[in-house]
Amino acid sequence: MTRPPPPPPPPGEAAVDSDGTETESSVHRFPVTLLQPSQRKHHQSKPTRFLRSFRSAFRSLPILAPPGCHLPAAAPHQGSRHRDGHVRGATRTTGTLFGHRKARITLAFQDNPRSVPHLLLELAVPTARFMQDMGSSGLIRVALECEKKAAAGAGKSRVLDEPMWSAFVNGRNVGYAARRDPTELDLGVMQLLHAVSMGAGVLPGDMTDPSDGELTYMRAFFDRVVGSKDSETFYMLNPDGNAGPELSIFFVRI
């Protein structure tokens, strides 16, 4: 009787073949060719068609936040936008939300779809829950807050350089958001999606992590608006040019 092959290993670990030799896991069967983040101003590129899996109509109703959530100013009014929906004076960046169904959702920002993420966050929200909220409410506002440090010299760094924030989704406290370095699995996912500018879908488990199953992703262009060293905002761009973004992420240091 032929001996069945061993089960695939978790990402980042090598599989052991029947003869004792190690083989690479599925996410590492290809080289990672992502470029390092650029220090120059981001180049703008024309958005392509956005897959409508996680889109729904925009809501114009205000979102009431509890006293603990210091939500920054709302999205720029229509007069501050170009006809294609871009915020005037903003910098274009690529944002990707991804994660396994029961795992925490990860948000990666890149100079472009073919570069290494310059900012990678992990939110204390299951991927399935976050995607469901996006599909049902149509408008998601994520507010990430941290406190100013009283130590000498503190506060001179950008708010994006902070390691951790308190996280609010549509005014609801969901715990925390932590900045981290990209893992081999993160880079593998970015490599798999390097040809995708905007879209949403599912990567099968045998391409990412067989032990955790399929991985859901959503990728879009974002306008990055820098208010000050204590405030930055990312607005998801809608290629149809509607009144506002479906997803806004506010970073604020108070």
Protein backbone atom coordinates (compact mmCIF):
# COMPACT_ATOMS: atom_id res chain seq x y z
CA MET A 1 0.00 0.00 0.00
CA THR A 2 1.28 3.46 -0.93
CA ARG A 3 2.04 5.60 2.08
CA PRO A 4 -0.05 8.82 2.05
CA PRO A 5 1.85 12.11 1.93
CA PRO A 6 2.28 14.05 5.20
CA PRO A 7 -0.07 16.98 5.91
CA PRO A 8 1.13 20.45 4.89
CA PRO A 9 2.95 22.47 7.58
CA PRO A 10 1.88 25.86 8.94
CA PRO A 11 3.28 28.93 7.13
CA GLY A 12 6.90 29.74 7.81
CA GLU A 13 7.82 26.13 8.56
CA ALA A 14 9.23 23.55 6.22
CA ALA A 15 7.46 20.30 5.49
CA VAL A 16 9.20 16.99 6.10
CA ASP A 17 8.92 14.54 3.23
CA SER A 18 8.59 10.79 3.63
CA ASP A 19 12.33 10.36 3.23
CA GLY A 20 13.07 12.92 5.94
CA THR A 21 13.99 15.82 3.63
CA GLU A 22 12.48 19.26 4.13
CA THR A 23 10.31 20.94 1.52
CA GLU A 24 8.95 24.49 1.52
CA SER A 25 5.36 25.26 2.49
CA SER A 26 3.01 26.35 -0.28
CA VAL A 27 3.24 30.07 0.43
CA HIS A 28 7.01 29.94 -0.18
CA ARG A 29 7.02 28.10 -3.51
CA PHE A 30 7.68 31.37 -5.30
CA PRO A 31 10.23 34.15 -4.74
CA VAL A 32 9.13 37.39 -3.11
CA THR A 33 10.02 40.21 -5.53
CA LEU A 34 8.34 43.12 -3.73
CA LEU A 35 10.15 46.45 -3.85
CA GLN A 36 11.18 48.37 -0.76
CA PRO A 37 8.95 51.35 0.16
CA SER A 38 9.89 54.53 -1.66
CA GLN A 39 10.82 57.70 0.20
CA ARG A 40 9.55 59.81 -2.65
CA LYS A 41 6.07 61.20 -3.11
CA HIS A 42 3.65 58.50 -4.17
CA HIS A 43 2.80 58.43 -7.86
CA GLN A 44 -0.86 58.44 -8.73
CA SER A 45 -2.25 55.80 -11.02
CA LYS A 46 -5.62 55.40 -12.64
CA PRO A 47 -7.95 53.09 -10.63
CA THR A 48 -9.31 49.99 -12.27
CA ARG A 49 -12.69 48.32 -11.88
CA PHE A 50 -13.42 47.42 -8.25
CA LEU A 51 -14.97 44.05 -7.53
CA ARG A 52 -18.34 44.70 -5.89
CA SER A 53 -18.35 41.79 -3.47
CA PHE A 54 -18.07 43.98 -0.39
CA ARG A 55 -19.70 47.16 -1.72
CA SER A 56 -23.10 48.56 -0.81
CA ALA A 57 -24.80 51.94 -1.00
CA PHE A 58 -23.28 54.80 0.98
CA ARG A 59 -25.08 56.03 4.05
CA SER A 60 -25.21 59.76 4.76
CA LEU A 61 -26.42 59.42 8.35
CA PRO A 62 -23.98 60.63 11.03
CA ILE A 63 -22.21 58.11 13.23
CA LEU A 64 -22.53 58.93 16.93
CA ALA A 65 -19.38 58.17 18.90
CA PRO A 66 -19.24 57.57 22.67
CA PRO A 67 -17.30 60.02 24.89
CA GLY A 68 -14.24 57.75 24.82
CA CYS A 69 -13.85 58.01 21.05
CA HIS A 70 -12.33 61.26 19.76
CA LEU A 71 -13.29 60.88 16.12
CA PRO A 72 -11.49 63.47 13.98
CA ALA A 73 -13.25 65.67 11.50
CA ALA A 74 -15.42 63.92 8.96
CA ALA A 75 -14.32 63.19 5.42
CA PRO A 76 -13.54 66.27 3.33
CA HIS A 77 -16.60 67.85 1.82
CA GLN A 78 -17.35 67.49 -1.84
CA GLY A 79 -15.75 70.82 -2.69
CA SER A 80 -12.34 69.55 -1.57
CA ARG A 81 -12.44 66.60 -3.96
CA HIS A 82 -11.65 66.25 -7.63
CA ARG A 83 -14.32 64.95 -9.95
CA ASP A 84 -12.79 61.48 -9.77
CA GLY A 85 -13.27 61.47 -5.98
CA HIS A 86 -9.66 62.07 -4.94
CA VAL A 87 -8.97 64.41 -2.03
CA ARG A 88 -7.07 67.52 -3.10
CA GLY A 89 -3.49 67.51 -1.85
CA ALA A 90 -3.66 63.89 -0.67
CA THR A 91 -1.14 61.15 -1.38
CA ARG A 92 -2.25 57.95 -3.13
CA THR A 93 -1.44 54.64 -1.44
CA THR A 94 -2.59 51.04 -1.74
CA GLY A 95 -4.43 49.46 1.18
CA THR A 96 -5.19 45.75 1.66
CA LEU A 97 -7.41 44.20 4.31
CA PHE A 98 -6.87 40.47 4.68
CA GLY A 99 -7.06 37.60 7.12
CA HIS A 100 -8.35 34.13 7.80
CA ARG A 101 -12.00 33.93 8.76
CA LYS A 102 -11.56 33.47 12.52
CA ALA A 103 -8.24 35.32 12.82
CA ARG A 104 -7.76 39.04 13.46
CA ILE A 105 -7.93 41.21 10.38
CA THR A 106 -4.72 42.78 9.09
CA LEU A 107 -4.43 46.06 7.23
CA ALA A 108 -1.38 46.73 5.04
CA PHE A 109 -0.50 50.00 3.29
CA GLN A 110 1.94 50.03 0.37
CA ASP A 111 3.42 52.68 -1.92
CA ASN A 112 1.99 50.59 -4.75
CA PRO A 113 0.72 47.00 -5.14
CA ARG A 114 4.25 45.73 -5.90
CA SER A 115 6.07 47.14 -2.86
CA VAL A 116 6.75 45.95 0.68
CA PRO A 117 4.16 47.41 3.12
CA HIS A 118 5.33 50.60 4.84
CA LEU A 119 2.60 50.22 7.49
CA LEU A 120 1.03 46.98 8.70
CA LEU A 121 -1.64 46.91 11.42
CA GLU A 122 -3.44 44.11 13.22
CA LEU A 123 -6.92 44.98 14.54
CA ALA A 124 -8.50 43.08 17.41
CA VAL A 125 -11.49 42.22 15.19
CA PRO A 126 -12.14 38.87 13.46
CA THR A 127 -11.87 39.11 9.68
CA ALA A 128 -15.33 37.66 9.09
CA ARG A 129 -16.94 40.20 11.47
CA PHE A 130 -15.20 43.19 9.88
CA MET A 131 -16.08 42.16 6.33
CA GLN A 132 -19.67 41.50 7.37
CA ASP A 133 -19.93 44.99 8.87
CA MET A 134 -18.60 46.51 5.66
CA GLY A 135 -21.13 44.64 3.58
CA SER A 136 -24.10 45.47 5.80
CA SER A 137 -23.52 49.09 6.87
CA GLY A 138 -21.84 50.40 3.72
CA LEU A 139 -19.71 52.89 5.66
CA ILE A 140 -17.02 52.01 8.20
CA ARG A 141 -15.07 54.53 10.26
CA VAL A 142 -12.09 53.22 12.20
CA ALA A 143 -10.63 55.59 14.79
CA LEU A 144 -7.23 54.68 16.24
CA GLU A 145 -6.20 56.71 19.28
CA CYS A 146 -3.04 56.91 21.37
CA GLU A 147 -1.85 59.24 24.11
CA LYS A 148 0.88 61.84 23.82
CA LYS A 149 3.93 60.91 25.88
CA ALA A 150 5.10 63.32 28.55
CA ALA A 151 8.78 62.31 28.28
CA ALA A 152 11.29 64.78 26.90
CA GLY A 153 11.46 64.64 23.13
CA ALA A 154 8.24 62.63 22.88
CA GLY A 155 5.67 63.65 20.30
CA LYS A 156 8.21 64.54 17.62
CA SER A 157 7.56 61.29 15.74
CA ARG A 158 4.61 60.77 13.43
CA VAL A 159 1.44 59.26 14.81
CA LEU A 160 1.90 56.31 12.42
CA ASP A 161 5.15 55.44 14.19
CA GLU A 162 3.30 54.60 17.41
CA PRO A 163 3.32 50.86 18.26
CA MET A 164 -0.28 50.57 19.53
CA TRP A 165 -3.61 52.40 19.52
CA SER A 166 -7.04 52.05 21.11
CA ALA A 167 -9.41 51.04 18.30
CA PHE A 168 -13.00 52.13 17.65
CA VAL A 169 -15.15 50.90 14.77
CA ASN A 170 -18.14 53.15 14.07
CA GLY A 171 -17.79 54.47 17.62
CA ARG A 172 -17.66 51.02 19.22
CA ASN A 173 -14.57 50.15 21.24
CA VAL A 174 -13.13 46.93 19.80
CA GLY A 175 -9.92 46.78 21.82
CA TYR A 176 -6.64 47.68 20.19
CA ALA A 177 -4.69 47.98 16.97
CA ALA A 178 -0.98 47.11 16.94
CA ARG A 179 1.70 47.96 14.41
CA ARG A 180 4.00 45.05 13.53
CA ASP A 181 6.62 44.03 11.02
CA PRO A 182 5.40 41.93 8.08
CA THR A 183 5.80 38.19 8.51
CA GLU A 184 6.69 35.72 5.76
CA LEU A 185 2.97 34.96 5.40
CA ASP A 186 2.18 38.70 5.02
CA LEU A 187 4.84 39.08 2.32
CA GLY A 188 3.61 35.94 0.62
CA VAL A 189 0.07 37.33 0.46
CA MET A 190 1.34 40.67 -0.88
CA GLN A 191 3.31 38.78 -3.51
CA LEU A 192 0.26 36.77 -4.56
CA LEU A 193 -1.75 40.01 -4.89
CA HIS A 194 0.99 42.09 -6.53
CA ALA A 195 -0.89 42.20 -9.85
CA VAL A 196 -4.18 43.28 -8.20
CA SER A 197 -4.73 47.04 -7.96
CA MET A 198 -8.30 47.01 -6.68
CA GLY A 199 -10.52 44.06 -5.90
CA ALA A 200 -11.82 41.58 -3.36
CA GLY A 201 -11.87 37.82 -3.16
CA VAL A 202 -10.59 34.70 -1.47
CA LEU A 203 -7.23 32.96 -1.66
CA PRO A 204 -7.50 29.17 -1.17
CA GLY A 205 -5.79 27.61 1.82
CA ASP A 206 -3.29 25.68 -0.28
CA MET A 207 -1.88 29.03 -1.49
CA THR A 208 -1.52 30.59 1.98
CA ASP A 209 -2.03 28.51 5.13
CA PRO A 210 -3.55 25.02 4.74
CA SER A 211 -4.11 24.71 8.50
CA ASP A 212 -6.27 27.87 8.69
CA GLY A 213 -8.07 27.51 5.37
CA GLU A 214 -8.91 30.20 2.85
CA LEU A 215 -7.91 33.82 3.28
CA THR A 216 -10.25 36.74 2.51
CA TYR A 217 -8.83 39.97 1.09
CA MET A 218 -9.99 43.36 -0.12
CA ARG A 219 -7.67 45.79 -1.86
CA ALA A 220 -8.27 49.41 -2.89
CA PHE A 221 -6.58 52.76 -3.38
CA PHE A 222 -6.61 55.16 -0.41
CA ASP A 223 -6.06 58.90 -0.18
CA ARG A 224 -3.69 59.68 2.69
CA VAL A 225 -4.28 63.07 4.29
CA VAL A 226 -1.73 64.36 6.84
CA GLY A 227 -3.32 66.86 9.23
CA SER A 228 -0.32 67.14 11.57
CA LYS A 229 2.23 64.90 13.25
CA ASP A 230 -0.63 63.88 15.59
CA SER A 231 -3.33 63.27 12.99
CA GLU A 232 -3.50 61.34 9.71
CA THR A 233 -6.42 59.88 7.80
CA PHE A 234 -6.77 57.26 5.06
CA TYR A 235 -9.86 57.45 2.85
CA MET A 236 -10.79 54.52 0.65
CA LEU A 237 -11.40 55.66 -2.93
CA ASN A 238 -14.55 54.72 -4.76
CA PRO A 239 -13.90 54.35 -8.51
CA ASP A 240 -17.50 55.33 -9.28
CA GLY A 241 -16.92 58.80 -7.81
CA ASN A 242 -19.71 58.68 -5.22
CA ALA A 243 -20.01 61.20 -2.39
CA GLY A 244 -17.72 59.56 0.14
CA PRO A 245 -15.47 56.61 0.94
CA GLU A 246 -16.72 53.28 2.22
CA LEU A 247 -13.85 53.00 4.70
CA SER A 248 -12.11 55.80 6.60
CA ILE A 249 -9.24 55.19 9.03
CA PHE A 250 -8.34 57.98 11.44
CA PHE A 251 -5.06 58.03 13.36
CA VAL A 252 -5.04 60.55 16.19
CA ARG A 253 -2.73 61.26 19.13
CA ILE A 254 -4.48 63.05 21.98
